[in-house]
Amino acid sequence: MVSRVGVVSEDFRKQVLGYGLTTAQILYRMPDHKSLLQTYVWQNYDLFPNFPALQDFLAFWQERLDGPLFSVTVAHSRLIKPAELRAVNGVFQLH
């Protein structure tokens, strides 16, 4: 029997190393109908600002897939970041 105590997921390791969740909306032209656009949503953990994983995916797309890229819109958020604190005027008491 294998114990999973102390095992950390690869996704969590990436977050601790500074990776954030990156989402790219990719618009591309249909191979047989160049006037039509299709959308594809790609999501993975990646490093801001160079986005090496996204760059690799887009290079793969251009080398191997028929639909030419039209546009790529990228959103990125680090999931592990310093806590956001703010001062509050007042006291809340619970009895």
Protein backbone atom coordinates (compact mmCIF):
# COMPACT_ATOMS: atom_id res chain seq x y z
CA MET A 1 0.00 0.00 0.00
CA VAL A 2 1.35 3.44 -0.96
CA SER A 3 0.88 6.30 1.49
CA ARG A 4 -0.08 9.70 0.06
CA VAL A 5 0.75 11.60 3.27
CA GLY A 6 3.13 14.43 2.48
CA VAL A 7 2.64 14.11 -1.29
CA VAL A 8 2.20 17.51 -2.94
CA SER A 9 0.52 17.86 -6.32
CA GLU A 10 2.52 19.17 -9.27
CA ASP A 11 0.00 22.01 -9.68
CA PHE A 12 0.63 23.18 -6.11
CA ARG A 13 4.41 23.01 -6.64
CA LYS A 14 4.06 25.25 -9.68
CA GLN A 15 1.95 27.76 -7.74
CA VAL A 16 4.59 27.99 -5.01
CA LEU A 17 7.27 28.54 -7.68
CA GLY A 18 5.38 31.57 -9.01
CA TYR A 19 3.26 30.05 -11.75
CA GLY A 20 -0.21 31.48 -12.18
CA LEU A 21 -3.34 30.28 -13.90
CA THR A 22 -3.25 31.49 -17.51
CA THR A 23 -6.25 31.44 -19.81
CA ALA A 24 -5.96 32.24 -23.51
CA GLN A 25 -8.88 32.81 -25.86
CA ILE A 26 -7.61 31.86 -29.30
CA LEU A 27 -9.48 32.98 -32.40
CA TYR A 28 -8.50 31.17 -35.57
CA ARG A 29 -9.72 30.95 -39.13
CA MET A 30 -11.52 27.80 -40.21
CA PRO A 31 -9.23 25.84 -42.58
CA ASP A 32 -11.90 25.31 -45.25
CA HIS A 33 -13.73 28.64 -44.77
CA LYS A 34 -11.15 31.41 -44.18
CA SER A 35 -13.84 34.05 -43.64
CA LEU A 36 -15.20 32.21 -40.54
CA LEU A 37 -13.59 32.49 -37.11
CA GLN A 38 -13.67 29.75 -34.48
CA THR A 39 -12.72 30.14 -30.82
CA TYR A 40 -10.62 27.84 -28.63
CA VAL A 41 -9.96 28.33 -24.91
CA TRP A 42 -6.60 27.13 -23.54
CA GLN A 43 -5.84 27.05 -19.80
CA ASN A 44 -2.70 25.99 -17.94
CA TYR A 45 -0.26 27.12 -15.26
CA ASP A 46 2.32 29.47 -16.76
CA LEU A 47 4.88 32.13 -15.84
CA PHE A 48 4.18 35.84 -16.34
CA PRO A 49 5.31 37.80 -18.42
CA ASN A 50 6.91 35.46 -21.00
CA PHE A 51 4.30 32.65 -20.85
CA PRO A 52 6.61 29.81 -21.99
CA ALA A 53 3.88 27.12 -21.87
CA LEU A 54 1.52 29.27 -23.98
CA GLN A 55 4.35 30.10 -26.40
CA ASP A 56 5.06 26.37 -26.81
CA PHE A 57 1.38 25.64 -27.42
CA LEU A 58 1.07 28.41 -30.02
CA ALA A 59 4.24 27.20 -31.78
CA PHE A 60 2.74 23.69 -31.87
CA TRP A 61 -0.50 25.15 -33.26
CA GLN A 62 1.27 27.01 -36.06
CA GLU A 63 3.46 24.02 -36.99
CA ARG A 64 0.88 21.22 -36.84
CA LEU A 65 -2.66 22.60 -37.16
CA ASP A 66 -4.38 23.94 -40.27
CA GLY A 67 -6.41 26.81 -38.79
CA PRO A 68 -4.34 30.03 -39.01
CA LEU A 69 -4.34 32.13 -35.84
CA PHE A 70 -6.31 35.37 -35.93
CA SER A 71 -5.87 36.66 -32.36
CA VAL A 72 -4.89 35.53 -28.86
CA THR A 73 -6.25 37.23 -25.72
CA VAL A 74 -4.49 36.29 -22.47
CA ALA A 75 -5.65 36.54 -18.83
CA HIS A 76 -3.33 35.60 -15.96
CA SER A 77 -3.66 35.44 -12.18
CA ARG A 78 -1.27 34.21 -9.52
CA LEU A 79 -3.22 31.98 -7.17
CA ILE A 80 -0.78 32.19 -4.26
CA LYS A 81 -0.07 35.80 -3.40
CA PRO A 82 0.28 38.02 -0.34
CA ALA A 83 -2.89 38.46 1.69
CA GLU A 84 -4.87 41.59 1.02
CA LEU A 85 -5.47 43.46 4.26
CA ARG A 86 -7.41 46.63 4.82
CA ALA A 87 -8.11 48.76 7.87
CA VAL A 88 -11.66 48.65 9.21
CA ASN A 89 -13.28 51.36 11.31
CA GLY A 90 -15.40 49.79 13.99
CA VAL A 91 -15.70 46.70 16.13
CA PHE A 92 -17.86 43.65 15.55
CA GLN A 93 -18.74 41.74 18.71
CA LEU A 94 -20.36 38.36 18.82
CA HIS A 95 -21.86 37.15 22.12
